Amino acid sequence: GRPKSTKFICNYRTLEHMDFDALRNMYYCNAYGDYVELKPGEFDPAI
């Protein structure tokens, strides 16, 4: 009954073939698996 943890689909040229609109939240993690969750936002070029 344990869920499947990982099934690798591809390890090469992955970012090149992604649709940016399909990218949801980002997770910046440490070696313990603790994380901060980042959400897409507007970039202010005037700063």
ModelCIF file with pLDDT and N, C-alpha, C, O atoms, coordinates in Angstrom:
data_MODEL
#
_entry.id   MODEL 
#
_entity.id                         1 
_entity.type                       polymer 
_entity.pdbx_number_of_molecules   1 
#
_entity_poly.entity_id                      1 
_entity_poly.type                           'polypeptide(L)' 
_entity_poly.nstd_linkage                   no 
_entity_poly.nstd_monomer                   no 
_entity_poly.pdbx_seq_one_letter_code       GRPKSTKFICNYRTLEHMDFDALRNMYYCNAYGDYVELKPGEFDPAI 
_entity_poly.pdbx_seq_one_letter_code_can   GRPKSTKFICNYRTLEHMDFDALRNMYYCNAYGDYVELKPGEFDPAI 
_entity_poly.pdbx_strand_id                 A 
#
loop_
_entity_poly_seq.entity_id 
_entity_poly_seq.num 
_entity_poly_seq.mon_id 
_entity_poly_seq.hetero 
1 1  GLY n 
1 2  ARG n 
1 3  PRO n 
1 4  LYS n 
1 5  SER n 
1 6  THR n 
1 7  LYS n 
1 8  PHE n 
1 9  ILE n 
1 10 CYS n 
1 11 ASN n 
1 12 TYR n 
1 13 ARG n 
1 14 THR n 
1 15 LEU n 
1 16 GLU n 
1 17 HIS n 
1 18 MET n 
1 19 ASP n 
1 20 PHE n 
1 21 ASP n 
1 22 ALA n 
1 23 LEU n 
1 24 ARG n 
1 25 ASN n 
1 26 MET n 
1 27 TYR n 
1 28 TYR n 
1 29 CYS n 
1 30 ASN n 
1 31 ALA n 
1 32 TYR n 
1 33 GLY n 
1 34 ASP n 
1 35 TYR n 
1 36 VAL n 
1 37 GLU n 
1 38 LEU n 
1 39 LYS n 
1 40 PRO n 
1 41 GLY n 
1 42 GLU n 
1 43 PHE n 
1 44 ASP n 
1 45 PRO n 
1 46 ALA n 
1 47 ILE n 
#
_struct_asym.id          A 
_struct_asym.entity_id   1 
#
loop_
_ma_qa_metric.id 
_ma_qa_metric.mode 
_ma_qa_metric.name 
_ma_qa_metric.software_group_id 
_ma_qa_metric.type 
1 global pLDDT . pLDDT 
2 local  pLDDT . pLDDT 
#
_ma_qa_metric_global.metric_id      1 
_ma_qa_metric_global.metric_value   93.49 
_ma_qa_metric_global.model_id       1 
_ma_qa_metric_global.ordinal_id     1 
#
loop_
_ma_qa_metric_local.label_asym_id 
_ma_qa_metric_local.label_comp_id 
_ma_qa_metric_local.label_seq_id 
_ma_qa_metric_local.metric_id 
_ma_qa_metric_local.metric_value 
_ma_qa_metric_local.model_id 
_ma_qa_metric_local.ordinal_id 
A GLY 1  2 78.00 1 1  
A ARG 2  2 89.00 1 2  
A PRO 3  2 92.00 1 3  
A LYS 4  2 92.00 1 4  
A SER 5  2 92.00 1 5  
A THR 6  2 92.00 1 6  
A LYS 7  2 95.00 1 7  
A PHE 8  2 95.00 1 8  
A ILE 9  2 97.00 1 9  
A CYS 10 2 97.00 1 10 
A ASN 11 2 95.00 1 11 
A TYR 12 2 95.00 1 12 
A ARG 13 2 95.00 1 13 
A THR 14 2 97.00 1 14 
A LEU 15 2 97.00 1 15 
A GLU 16 2 95.00 1 16 
A HIS 17 2 97.00 1 17 
A MET 18 2 97.00 1 18 
A ASP 19 2 97.00 1 19 
A PHE 20 2 97.00 1 20 
A ASP 21 2 97.00 1 21 
A ALA 22 2 98.00 1 22 
A LEU 23 2 98.00 1 23 
A ARG 24 2 98.00 1 24 
A ASN 25 2 98.00 1 25 
A MET 26 2 98.00 1 26 
A TYR 27 2 98.00 1 27 
A TYR 28 2 97.00 1 28 
A CYS 29 2 96.00 1 29 
A ASN 30 2 93.00 1 30 
A ALA 31 2 90.00 1 31 
A TYR 32 2 91.00 1 32 
A GLY 33 2 92.00 1 33 
A ASP 34 2 95.00 1 34 
A TYR 35 2 97.00 1 35 
A VAL 36 2 98.00 1 36 
A GLU 37 2 98.00 1 37 
A LEU 38 2 98.00 1 38 
A LYS 39 2 98.00 1 39 
A PRO 40 2 98.00 1 40 
A GLY 41 2 97.00 1 41 
A GLU 42 2 92.00 1 42 
A PHE 43 2 90.00 1 43 
A ASP 44 2 84.00 1 44 
A PRO 45 2 80.00 1 45 
A ALA 46 2 72.00 1 46 
A ILE 47 2 72.00 1 47 
#
loop_
_atom_site.group_PDB 
_atom_site.id 
_atom_site.type_symbol 
_atom_site.label_atom_id 
_atom_site.label_alt_id 
_atom_site.label_comp_id 
_atom_site.label_asym_id 
_atom_site.label_entity_id 
_atom_site.label_seq_id 
_atom_site.pdbx_PDB_ins_code 
_atom_site.Cartn_x 
_atom_site.Cartn_y 
_atom_site.Cartn_z 
_atom_site.occupancy 
_atom_site.B_iso_or_equiv 
_atom_site.pdbx_formal_charge 
_atom_site.auth_seq_id 
_atom_site.auth_comp_id 
_atom_site.auth_asym_id 
_atom_site.auth_atom_id 
_atom_site.pdbx_PDB_model_num 
ATOM 1   N N  . GLY A 1 1  ? 0.782  -1.228 0.000   1.00 78.00 ? 1  GLY A N  1 
ATOM 2   C CA . GLY A 1 1  ? 0.000  0.000  0.000   1.00 78.00 ? 1  GLY A CA 1 
ATOM 3   C C  . GLY A 1 1  ? 0.812  1.276  0.000   1.00 78.00 ? 1  GLY A C  1 
ATOM 4   O O  . GLY A 1 1  ? 0.259  2.363  -0.165  1.00 78.00 ? 1  GLY A O  1 
ATOM 5   N N  . ARG A 1 2  ? 2.133  1.159  0.185   1.00 89.00 ? 2  ARG A N  1 
ATOM 6   C CA . ARG A 1 2  ? 2.970  2.353  0.176   1.00 89.00 ? 2  ARG A CA 1 
ATOM 7   C C  . ARG A 1 2  ? 2.968  2.979  -1.219  1.00 89.00 ? 2  ARG A C  1 
ATOM 8   O O  . ARG A 1 2  ? 3.019  2.257  -2.214  1.00 89.00 ? 2  ARG A O  1 
ATOM 9   N N  . PRO A 1 3  ? 2.910  4.315  -1.307  1.00 92.00 ? 3  PRO A N  1 
ATOM 10  C CA . PRO A 1 3  ? 2.917  4.952  -2.619  1.00 92.00 ? 3  PRO A CA 1 
ATOM 11  C C  . PRO A 1 3  ? 4.268  4.807  -3.314  1.00 92.00 ? 3  PRO A C  1 
ATOM 12  O O  . PRO A 1 3  ? 5.303  4.687  -2.657  1.00 92.00 ? 3  PRO A O  1 
ATOM 13  N N  . LYS A 1 4  ? 4.253  4.817  -4.622  1.00 92.00 ? 4  LYS A N  1 
ATOM 14  C CA . LYS A 1 4  ? 5.475  4.784  -5.424  1.00 92.00 ? 4  LYS A CA 1 
ATOM 15  C C  . LYS A 1 4  ? 6.203  6.115  -5.258  1.00 92.00 ? 4  LYS A C  1 
ATOM 16  O O  . LYS A 1 4  ? 5.625  7.181  -5.468  1.00 92.00 ? 4  LYS A O  1 
ATOM 17  N N  . SER A 1 5  ? 7.471  6.043  -4.880  1.00 92.00 ? 5  SER A N  1 
ATOM 18  C CA . SER A 1 5  ? 8.211  7.270  -4.552  1.00 92.00 ? 5  SER A CA 1 
ATOM 19  C C  . SER A 1 5  ? 8.748  7.971  -5.784  1.00 92.00 ? 5  SER A C  1 
ATOM 20  O O  . SER A 1 5  ? 8.530  9.170  -5.962  1.00 92.00 ? 5  SER A O  1 
ATOM 21  N N  . THR A 1 6  ? 9.447  7.236  -6.639  1.00 92.00 ? 6  THR A N  1 
ATOM 22  C CA . THR A 1 6  ? 10.054 7.862  -7.812  1.00 92.00 ? 6  THR A CA 1 
ATOM 23  C C  . THR A 1 6  ? 10.045 6.919  -8.998  1.00 92.00 ? 6  THR A C  1 
ATOM 24  O O  . THR A 1 6  ? 10.321 5.726  -8.866  1.00 92.00 ? 6  THR A O  1 
ATOM 25  N N  . LYS A 1 7  ? 9.726  7.463  -10.143 1.00 95.00 ? 7  LYS A N  1 
ATOM 26  C CA . LYS A 1 7  ? 9.873  6.785  -11.423 1.00 95.00 ? 7  LYS A CA 1 
ATOM 27  C C  . LYS A 1 7  ? 10.521 7.786  -12.366 1.00 95.00 ? 7  LYS A C  1 
ATOM 28  O O  . LYS A 1 7  ? 9.873  8.730  -12.820 1.00 95.00 ? 7  LYS A O  1 
ATOM 29  N N  . PHE A 1 8  ? 11.806 7.578  -12.661 1.00 95.00 ? 8  PHE A N  1 
ATOM 30  C CA . PHE A 1 8  ? 12.532 8.529  -13.496 1.00 95.00 ? 8  PHE A CA 1 
ATOM 31  C C  . PHE A 1 8  ? 12.038 8.431  -14.930 1.00 95.00 ? 8  PHE A C  1 
ATOM 32  O O  . PHE A 1 8  ? 11.960 7.345  -15.504 1.00 95.00 ? 8  PHE A O  1 
ATOM 33  N N  . ILE A 1 9  ? 11.706 9.582  -15.499 1.00 97.00 ? 9  ILE A N  1 
ATOM 34  C CA . ILE A 1 9  ? 11.216 9.656  -16.872 1.00 97.00 ? 9  ILE A CA 1 
ATOM 35  C C  . ILE A 1 9  ? 12.334 10.048 -17.826 1.00 97.00 ? 9  ILE A C  1 
ATOM 36  O O  . ILE A 1 9  ? 12.467 9.485  -18.913 1.00 97.00 ? 9  ILE A O  1 
ATOM 37  N N  . CYS A 1 10 ? 13.141 11.027 -17.402 1.00 97.00 ? 10 CYS A N  1 
ATOM 38  C CA . CYS A 1 10 ? 14.203 11.521 -18.276 1.00 97.00 ? 10 CYS A CA 1 
ATOM 39  C C  . CYS A 1 10 ? 15.232 12.265 -17.423 1.00 97.00 ? 10 CYS A C  1 
ATOM 40  O O  . CYS A 1 10 ? 14.879 12.941 -16.457 1.00 97.00 ? 10 CYS A O  1 
ATOM 41  N N  . ASN A 1 11 ? 16.518 12.131 -17.795 1.00 95.00 ? 11 ASN A N  1 
ATOM 42  C CA . ASN A 1 11 ? 17.595 12.819 -17.093 1.00 95.00 ? 11 ASN A CA 1 
ATOM 43  C C  . ASN A 1 11 ? 18.409 13.725 -18.006 1.00 95.00 ? 11 ASN A C  1 
ATOM 44  O O  . ASN A 1 11 ? 19.470 14.200 -17.601 1.00 95.00 ? 11 ASN A O  1 
ATOM 45  N N  . TYR A 1 12 ? 17.946 13.978 -19.218 1.00 95.00 ? 12 TYR A N  1 
ATOM 46  C CA . TYR A 1 12 ? 18.769 14.692 -20.195 1.00 95.00 ? 12 TYR A CA 1 
ATOM 47  C C  . TYR A 1 12 ? 17.929 15.722 -20.935 1.00 95.00 ? 12 TYR A C  1 
ATOM 48  O O  . TYR A 1 12 ? 16.863 15.403 -21.461 1.00 95.00 ? 12 TYR A O  1 
ATOM 49  N N  . ARG A 1 13 ? 18.412 16.954 -20.974 1.00 95.00 ? 13 ARG A N  1 
ATOM 50  C CA . ARG A 1 13 ? 17.760 18.063 -21.695 1.00 95.00 ? 13 ARG A CA 1 
ATOM 51  C C  . ARG A 1 13 ? 16.315 18.257 -21.233 1.00 95.00 ? 13 ARG A C  1 
ATOM 52  O O  . ARG A 1 13 ? 15.432 18.570 -22.032 1.00 95.00 ? 13 ARG A O  1 
ATOM 53  N N  . THR A 1 14 ? 16.093 18.070 -19.959 1.00 97.00 ? 14 THR A N  1 
ATOM 54  C CA . THR A 1 14 ? 14.728 18.157 -19.433 1.00 97.00 ? 14 THR A CA 1 
ATOM 55  C C  . THR A 1 14 ? 14.187 19.577 -19.463 1.00 97.00 ? 14 THR A C  1 
ATOM 56  O O  . THR A 1 14 ? 13.079 19.800 -19.949 1.00 97.00 ? 14 THR A O  1 
ATOM 57  N N  . LEU A 1 15 ? 14.945 20.538 -18.955 1.00 97.00 ? 15 LEU A N  1 
ATOM 58  C CA . LEU A 1 15 ? 14.449 21.908 -18.886 1.00 97.00 ? 15 LEU A CA 1 
ATOM 59  C C  . LEU A 1 15 ? 14.170 22.475 -20.273 1.00 97.00 ? 15 LEU A C  1 
ATOM 60  O O  . LEU A 1 15 ? 13.227 23.245 -20.458 1.00 97.00 ? 15 LEU A O  1 
ATOM 61  N N  . GLU A 1 16 ? 14.976 22.098 -21.222 1.00 95.00 ? 16 GLU A N  1 
ATOM 62  C CA . GLU A 1 16 ? 14.831 22.596 -22.590 1.00 95.00 ? 16 GLU A CA 1 
ATOM 63  C C  . GLU A 1 16 ? 13.466 22.259 -23.195 1.00 95.00 ? 16 GLU A C  1 
ATOM 64  O O  . GLU A 1 16 ? 12.971 22.977 -24.062 1.00 95.00 ? 16 GLU A O  1 
ATOM 65  N N  . HIS A 1 17 ? 12.865 21.164 -22.731 1.00 97.00 ? 17 HIS A N  1 
ATOM 66  C CA . HIS A 1 17 ? 11.609 20.706 -23.326 1.00 97.00 ? 17 HIS A CA 1 
ATOM 67  C C  . HIS A 1 17 ? 10.399 20.927 -22.411 1.00 97.00 ? 17 HIS A C  1 
ATOM 68  O O  . HIS A 1 17 ? 9.338  20.338 -22.620 1.00 97.00 ? 17 HIS A O  1 
ATOM 69  N N  . MET A 1 18 ? 10.569 21.775 -21.405 1.00 97.00 ? 18 MET A N  1 
ATOM 70  C CA . MET A 1 18 ? 9.457  22.068 -20.504 1.00 97.00 ? 18 MET A CA 1 
ATOM 71  C C  . MET A 1 18 ? 8.682  23.290 -20.972 1.00 97.00 ? 18 MET A C  1 
ATOM 72  O O  . MET A 1 18 ? 9.245  24.196 -21.585 1.00 97.00 ? 18 MET A O  1 
ATOM 73  N N  . ASP A 1 19 ? 7.405  23.309 -20.683 1.00 97.00 ? 19 ASP A N  1 
ATOM 74  C CA . ASP A 1 19 ? 6.557  24.478 -20.889 1.00 97.00 ? 19 ASP A CA 1 
ATOM 75  C C  . ASP A 1 19 ? 6.558  25.277 -19.587 1.00 97.00 ? 19 ASP A C  1 
ATOM 76  O O  . ASP A 1 19 ? 6.143  24.759 -18.550 1.00 97.00 ? 19 ASP A O  1 
ATOM 77  N N  . PHE A 1 20 ? 7.017  26.528 -19.624 1.00 97.00 ? 20 PHE A N  1 
ATOM 78  C CA . PHE A 1 20 ? 7.078  27.335 -18.406 1.00 97.00 ? 20 PHE A CA 1 
ATOM 79  C C  . PHE A 1 20 ? 5.713  27.427 -17.710 1.00 97.00 ? 20 PHE A C  1 
ATOM 80  O O  . PHE A 1 20 ? 5.641  27.501 -16.483 1.00 97.00 ? 20 PHE A O  1 
ATOM 81  N N  . ASP A 1 21 ? 4.638  27.423 -18.498 1.00 97.00 ? 21 ASP A N  1 
ATOM 82  C CA . ASP A 1 21 ? 3.307  27.547 -17.917 1.00 97.00 ? 21 ASP A CA 1 
ATOM 83  C C  . ASP A 1 21 ? 2.916  26.316 -17.103 1.00 97.00 ? 21 ASP A C  1 
ATOM 84  O O  . ASP A 1 21 ? 1.984  26.373 -16.302 1.00 97.00 ? 21 ASP A O  1 
ATOM 85  N N  . ALA A 1 22 ? 3.627  25.201 -17.306 1.00 98.00 ? 22 ALA A N  1 
ATOM 86  C CA . ALA A 1 22 ? 3.328  23.982 -16.559 1.00 98.00 ? 22 ALA A CA 1 
ATOM 87  C C  . ALA A 1 22 ? 4.080  23.921 -15.234 1.00 98.00 ? 22 ALA A C  1 
ATOM 88  O O  . ALA A 1 22 ? 3.846  23.018 -14.431 1.00 98.00 ? 22 ALA A O  1 
ATOM 89  N N  . LEU A 1 23 ? 4.978  24.871 -15.001 1.00 98.00 ? 23 LEU A N  1 
ATOM 90  C CA . LEU A 1 23 ? 5.750  24.881 -13.765 1.00 98.00 ? 23 LEU A CA 1 
ATOM 91  C C  . LEU A 1 23 ? 4.933  25.523 -12.653 1.00 98.00 ? 23 LEU A C  1 
ATOM 92  O O  . LEU A 1 23 ? 4.493  26.667 -12.776 1.00 98.00 ? 23 LEU A O  1 
ATOM 93  N N  . ARG A 1 24 ? 4.735  24.793 -11.581 1.00 98.00 ? 24 ARG A N  1 
ATOM 94  C CA . ARG A 1 24 ? 3.956  25.312 -10.465 1.00 98.00 ? 24 ARG A CA 1 
ATOM 95  C C  . ARG A 1 24 ? 4.914  25.774 -9.359  1.00 98.00 ? 24 ARG A C  1 
ATOM 96  O O  . ARG A 1 24 ? 5.851  26.514 -9.658  1.00 98.00 ? 24 ARG A O  1 
ATOM 97  N N  . ASN A 1 25 ? 4.727  25.384 -8.135  1.00 98.00 ? 25 ASN A N  1 
ATOM 98  C CA . ASN A 1 25 ? 5.573  25.902 -7.054  1.00 98.00 ? 25 ASN A CA 1 
ATOM 99  C C  . ASN A 1 25 ? 6.950  25.251 -7.041  1.00 98.00 ? 25 ASN A C  1 
ATOM 100 O O  . ASN A 1 25 ? 7.119  24.097 -7.435  1.00 98.00 ? 25 ASN A O  1 
ATOM 101 N N  . MET A 1 26 ? 7.935  26.029 -6.575  1.00 98.00 ? 26 MET A N  1 
ATOM 102 C CA . MET A 1 26 ? 9.322  25.576 -6.488  1.00 98.00 ? 26 MET A CA 1 
ATOM 103 C C  . MET A 1 26 ? 9.664  25.279 -5.028  1.00 98.00 ? 26 MET A C  1 
ATOM 104 O O  . MET A 1 26 ? 9.158  25.925 -4.111  1.00 98.00 ? 26 MET A O  1 
ATOM 105 N N  . TYR A 1 27 ? 10.537 24.283 -4.835  1.00 98.00 ? 27 TYR A N  1 
ATOM 106 C CA . TYR A 1 27 ? 10.937 23.880 -3.488  1.00 98.00 ? 27 TYR A CA 1 
ATOM 107 C C  . TYR A 1 27 ? 12.459 23.917 -3.376  1.00 98.00 ? 27 TYR A C  1 
ATOM 108 O O  . TYR A 1 27 ? 13.176 23.165 -4.036  1.00 98.00 ? 27 TYR A O  1 
ATOM 109 N N  . TYR A 1 28 ? 12.918 24.817 -2.520  1.00 97.00 ? 28 TYR A N  1 
ATOM 110 C CA . TYR A 1 28 ? 14.347 24.983 -2.237  1.00 97.00 ? 28 TYR A CA 1 
ATOM 111 C C  . TYR A 1 28 ? 14.619 24.195 -0.960  1.00 97.00 ? 28 TYR A C  1 
ATOM 112 O O  . TYR A 1 28 ? 14.134 24.566 0.109   1.00 97.00 ? 28 TYR A O  1 
ATOM 113 N N  . CYS A 1 29 ? 15.393 23.108 -1.060  1.00 96.00 ? 29 CYS A N  1 
ATOM 114 C CA . CYS A 1 29 ? 15.492 22.138 0.030   1.00 96.00 ? 29 CYS A CA 1 
ATOM 115 C C  . CYS A 1 29 ? 16.924 22.010 0.544   1.00 96.00 ? 29 CYS A C  1 
ATOM 116 O O  . CYS A 1 29 ? 17.886 22.255 -0.184  1.00 96.00 ? 29 CYS A O  1 
ATOM 117 N N  . ASN A 1 30 ? 17.044 21.626 1.802   1.00 93.00 ? 30 ASN A N  1 
ATOM 118 C CA . ASN A 1 30 ? 18.352 21.309 2.357   1.00 93.00 ? 30 ASN A CA 1 
ATOM 119 C C  . ASN A 1 30 ? 18.562 19.799 2.355   1.00 93.00 ? 30 ASN A C  1 
ATOM 120 O O  . ASN A 1 30 ? 17.712 19.045 1.883   1.00 93.00 ? 30 ASN A O  1 
ATOM 121 N N  . ALA A 1 31 ? 19.711 19.364 2.891   1.00 90.00 ? 31 ALA A N  1 
ATOM 122 C CA . ALA A 1 31 ? 20.069 17.949 2.835   1.00 90.00 ? 31 ALA A CA 1 
ATOM 123 C C  . ALA A 1 31 ? 19.184 17.073 3.715   1.00 90.00 ? 31 ALA A C  1 
ATOM 124 O O  . ALA A 1 31 ? 19.229 15.847 3.610   1.00 90.00 ? 31 ALA A O  1 
ATOM 125 N N  . TYR A 1 32 ? 18.379 17.688 4.584   1.00 91.00 ? 32 TYR A N  1 
ATOM 126 C CA . TYR A 1 32 ? 17.468 16.931 5.433   1.00 91.00 ? 32 TYR A CA 1 
ATOM 127 C C  . TYR A 1 32 ? 16.074 16.819 4.822   1.00 91.00 ? 32 TYR A C  1 
ATOM 128 O O  . TYR A 1 32 ? 15.205 16.136 5.364   1.00 91.00 ? 32 TYR A O  1 
ATOM 129 N N  . GLY A 1 33 ? 15.866 17.493 3.696   1.00 92.00 ? 33 GLY A N  1 
ATOM 130 C CA . GLY A 1 33 ? 14.555 17.485 3.074   1.00 92.00 ? 33 GLY A CA 1 
ATOM 131 C C  . GLY A 1 33 ? 13.637 18.575 3.585   1.00 92.00 ? 33 GLY A C  1 
ATOM 132 O O  . GLY A 1 33 ? 12.471 18.628 3.194   1.00 92.00 ? 33 GLY A O  1 
ATOM 133 N N  . ASP A 1 34 ? 14.144 19.463 4.465   1.00 95.00 ? 34 ASP A N  1 
ATOM 134 C CA . ASP A 1 34 ? 13.363 20.638 4.863   1.00 95.00 ? 34 ASP A CA 1 
ATOM 135 C C  . ASP A 1 34 ? 13.397 21.632 3.707   1.00 95.00 ? 34 ASP A C  1 
ATOM 136 O O  . ASP A 1 34 ? 14.356 21.650 2.935   1.00 95.00 ? 34 ASP A O  1 
ATOM 137 N N  . TYR A 1 35 ? 12.368 22.452 3.583   1.00 97.00 ? 35 TYR A N  1 
ATOM 138 C CA . TYR A 1 35 ? 12.287 23.283 2.387   1.00 97.00 ? 35 TYR A CA 1 
ATOM 139 C C  . TYR A 1 35 ? 11.600 24.614 2.672   1.00 97.00 ? 35 TYR A C  1 
ATOM 140 O O  . TYR A 1 35 ? 10.930 24.803 3.687   1.00 97.00 ? 35 TYR A O  1 
ATOM 141 N N  . VAL A 1 36 ? 11.803 25.536 1.711   1.00 98.00 ? 36 VAL A N  1 
ATOM 142 C CA . VAL A 1 36 ? 11.000 26.740 1.616   1.00 98.00 ? 36 VAL A CA 1 
ATOM 143 C C  . VAL A 1 36 ? 10.297 26.680 0.268   1.00 98.00 ? 36 VAL A C  1 
ATOM 144 O O  . VAL A 1 36 ? 10.914 26.360 -0.749  1.00 98.00 ? 36 VAL A O  1 
ATOM 145 N N  . GLU A 1 37 ? 9.023  26.986 0.264   1.00 98.00 ? 37 GLU A N  1 
ATOM 146 C CA . GLU A 1 37 ? 8.209  26.895 -0.948  1.00 98.00 ? 37 GLU A CA 1 
ATOM 147 C C  . GLU A 1 37 ? 8.125  28.269 -1.608  1.00 98.00 ? 37 GLU A C  1 
ATOM 148 O O  . GLU A 1 37 ? 7.736  29.251 -0.975  1.00 98.00 ? 37 GLU A O  1 
ATOM 149 N N  . LEU A 1 38 ? 8.493  28.326 -2.881  1.00 98.00 ? 38 LEU A N  1 
ATOM 150 C CA . LEU A 1 38 ? 8.475  29.572 -3.646  1.00 98.00 ? 38 LEU A CA 1 
ATOM 151 C C  . LEU A 1 38 ? 7.384  29.508 -4.704  1.00 98.00 ? 38 LEU A C  1 
ATOM 152 O O  . LEU A 1 38 ? 7.217  28.491 -5.378  1.00 98.00 ? 38 LEU A O  1 
ATOM 153 N N  . LYS A 1 39 ? 6.645  30.599 -4.841  1.00 98.00 ? 39 LYS A N  1 
ATOM 154 C CA . LYS A 1 39 ? 5.566  30.645 -5.816  1.00 98.00 ? 39 LYS A CA 1 
ATOM 155 C C  . LYS A 1 39 ? 5.920  31.585 -6.971  1.00 98.00 ? 39 LYS A C  1 
ATOM 156 O O  . LYS A 1 39 ? 6.631  32.569 -6.763  1.00 98.00 ? 39 LYS A O  1 
ATOM 157 N N  . PRO A 1 40 ? 5.439  31.303 -8.180  1.00 98.00 ? 40 PRO A N  1 
ATOM 158 C CA . PRO A 1 40 ? 5.714  32.209 -9.308  1.00 98.00 ? 40 PRO A CA 1 
ATOM 159 C C  . PRO A 1 40 ? 5.180  33.601 -9.013  1.00 98.00 ? 40 PRO A C  1 
ATOM 160 O O  . PRO A 1 40 ? 4.141  33.751 -8.371  1.00 98.00 ? 40 PRO A O  1 
ATOM 161 N N  . GLY A 1 41 ? 5.884  34.607 -9.477  1.00 97.00 ? 41 GLY A N  1 
ATOM 162 C CA . GLY A 1 41 ? 5.475  35.984 -9.238  1.00 97.00 ? 41 GLY A CA 1 
ATOM 163 C C  . GLY A 1 41 ? 5.960  36.909 -10.329 1.00 97.00 ? 41 GLY A C  1 
ATOM 164 O O  . GLY A 1 41 ? 6.660  36.489 -11.250 1.00 97.00 ? 41 GLY A O  1 
ATOM 165 N N  . GLU A 1 42 ? 5.588  38.162 -10.221 1.00 92.00 ? 42 GLU A N  1 
ATOM 166 C CA . GLU A 1 42 ? 5.993  39.164 -11.187 1.00 92.00 ? 42 GLU A CA 1 
ATOM 167 C C  . GLU A 1 42 ? 7.388  39.692 -10.848 1.00 92.00 ? 42 GLU A C  1 
ATOM 168 O O  . GLU A 1 42 ? 7.707  39.931 -9.683  1.00 92.00 ? 42 GLU A O  1 
ATOM 169 N N  . PHE A 1 43 ? 8.193  39.867 -11.857 1.00 90.00 ? 43 PHE A N  1 
ATOM 170 C CA . PHE A 1 43 ? 9.514  40.465 -11.665 1.00 90.00 ? 43 PHE A CA 1 
ATOM 171 C C  . PHE A 1 43 ? 9.413  41.959 -11.893 1.00 90.00 ? 43 PHE A C  1 
ATOM 172 O O  . PHE A 1 43 ? 8.856  42.397 -12.899 1.00 90.00 ? 43 PHE A O  1 
ATOM 173 N N  . ASP A 1 44 ? 9.945  42.746 -10.971 1.00 84.00 ? 44 ASP A N  1 
ATOM 174 C CA . ASP A 1 44 ? 9.910  44.203 -11.074 1.00 84.00 ? 44 ASP A CA 1 
ATOM 175 C C  . ASP A 1 44 ? 11.244 44.708 -11.617 1.00 84.00 ? 44 ASP A C  1 
ATOM 176 O O  . ASP A 1 44 ? 12.215 44.783 -10.864 1.00 84.00 ? 44 ASP A O  1 
ATOM 177 N N  . PRO A 1 45 ? 11.320 45.054 -12.888 1.00 80.00 ? 45 PRO A N  1 
ATOM 178 C CA . PRO A 1 45 ? 12.592 45.505 -13.462 1.00 80.00 ? 45 PRO A CA 1 
ATOM 179 C C  . PRO A 1 45 ? 12.993 46.901 -13.008 1.00 80.00 ? 45 PRO A C  1 
ATOM 180 O O  . PRO A 1 45 ? 14.112 47.341 -13.270 1.00 80.00 ? 45 PRO A O  1 
ATOM 181 N N  . ALA A 1 46 ? 12.082 47.604 -12.324 1.00 72.00 ? 46 ALA A N  1 
ATOM 182 C CA . ALA A 1 46 ? 12.378 48.975 -11.910 1.00 72.00 ? 46 ALA A CA 1 
ATOM 183 C C  . ALA A 1 46 ? 13.242 49.037 -10.655 1.00 72.00 ? 46 ALA A C  1 
ATOM 184 O O  . ALA A 1 46 ? 13.781 50.093 -10.326 1.00 72.00 ? 46 ALA A O  1 
ATOM 185 N N  . ILE A 1 47 ? 13.380 47.902 -9.947  1.00 72.00 ? 47 ILE A N  1 
ATOM 186 C CA . ILE A 1 47 ? 14.211 47.903 -8.745  1.00 72.00 ? 47 ILE A CA 1 
ATOM 187 C C  . ILE A 1 47 ? 15.655 48.163 -9.132  1.00 72.00 ? 47 ILE A C  1 
ATOM 188 O O  . ILE A 1 47 ? 16.529 48.205 -8.266  1.00 72.00 ? 47 ILE A O  1 
#
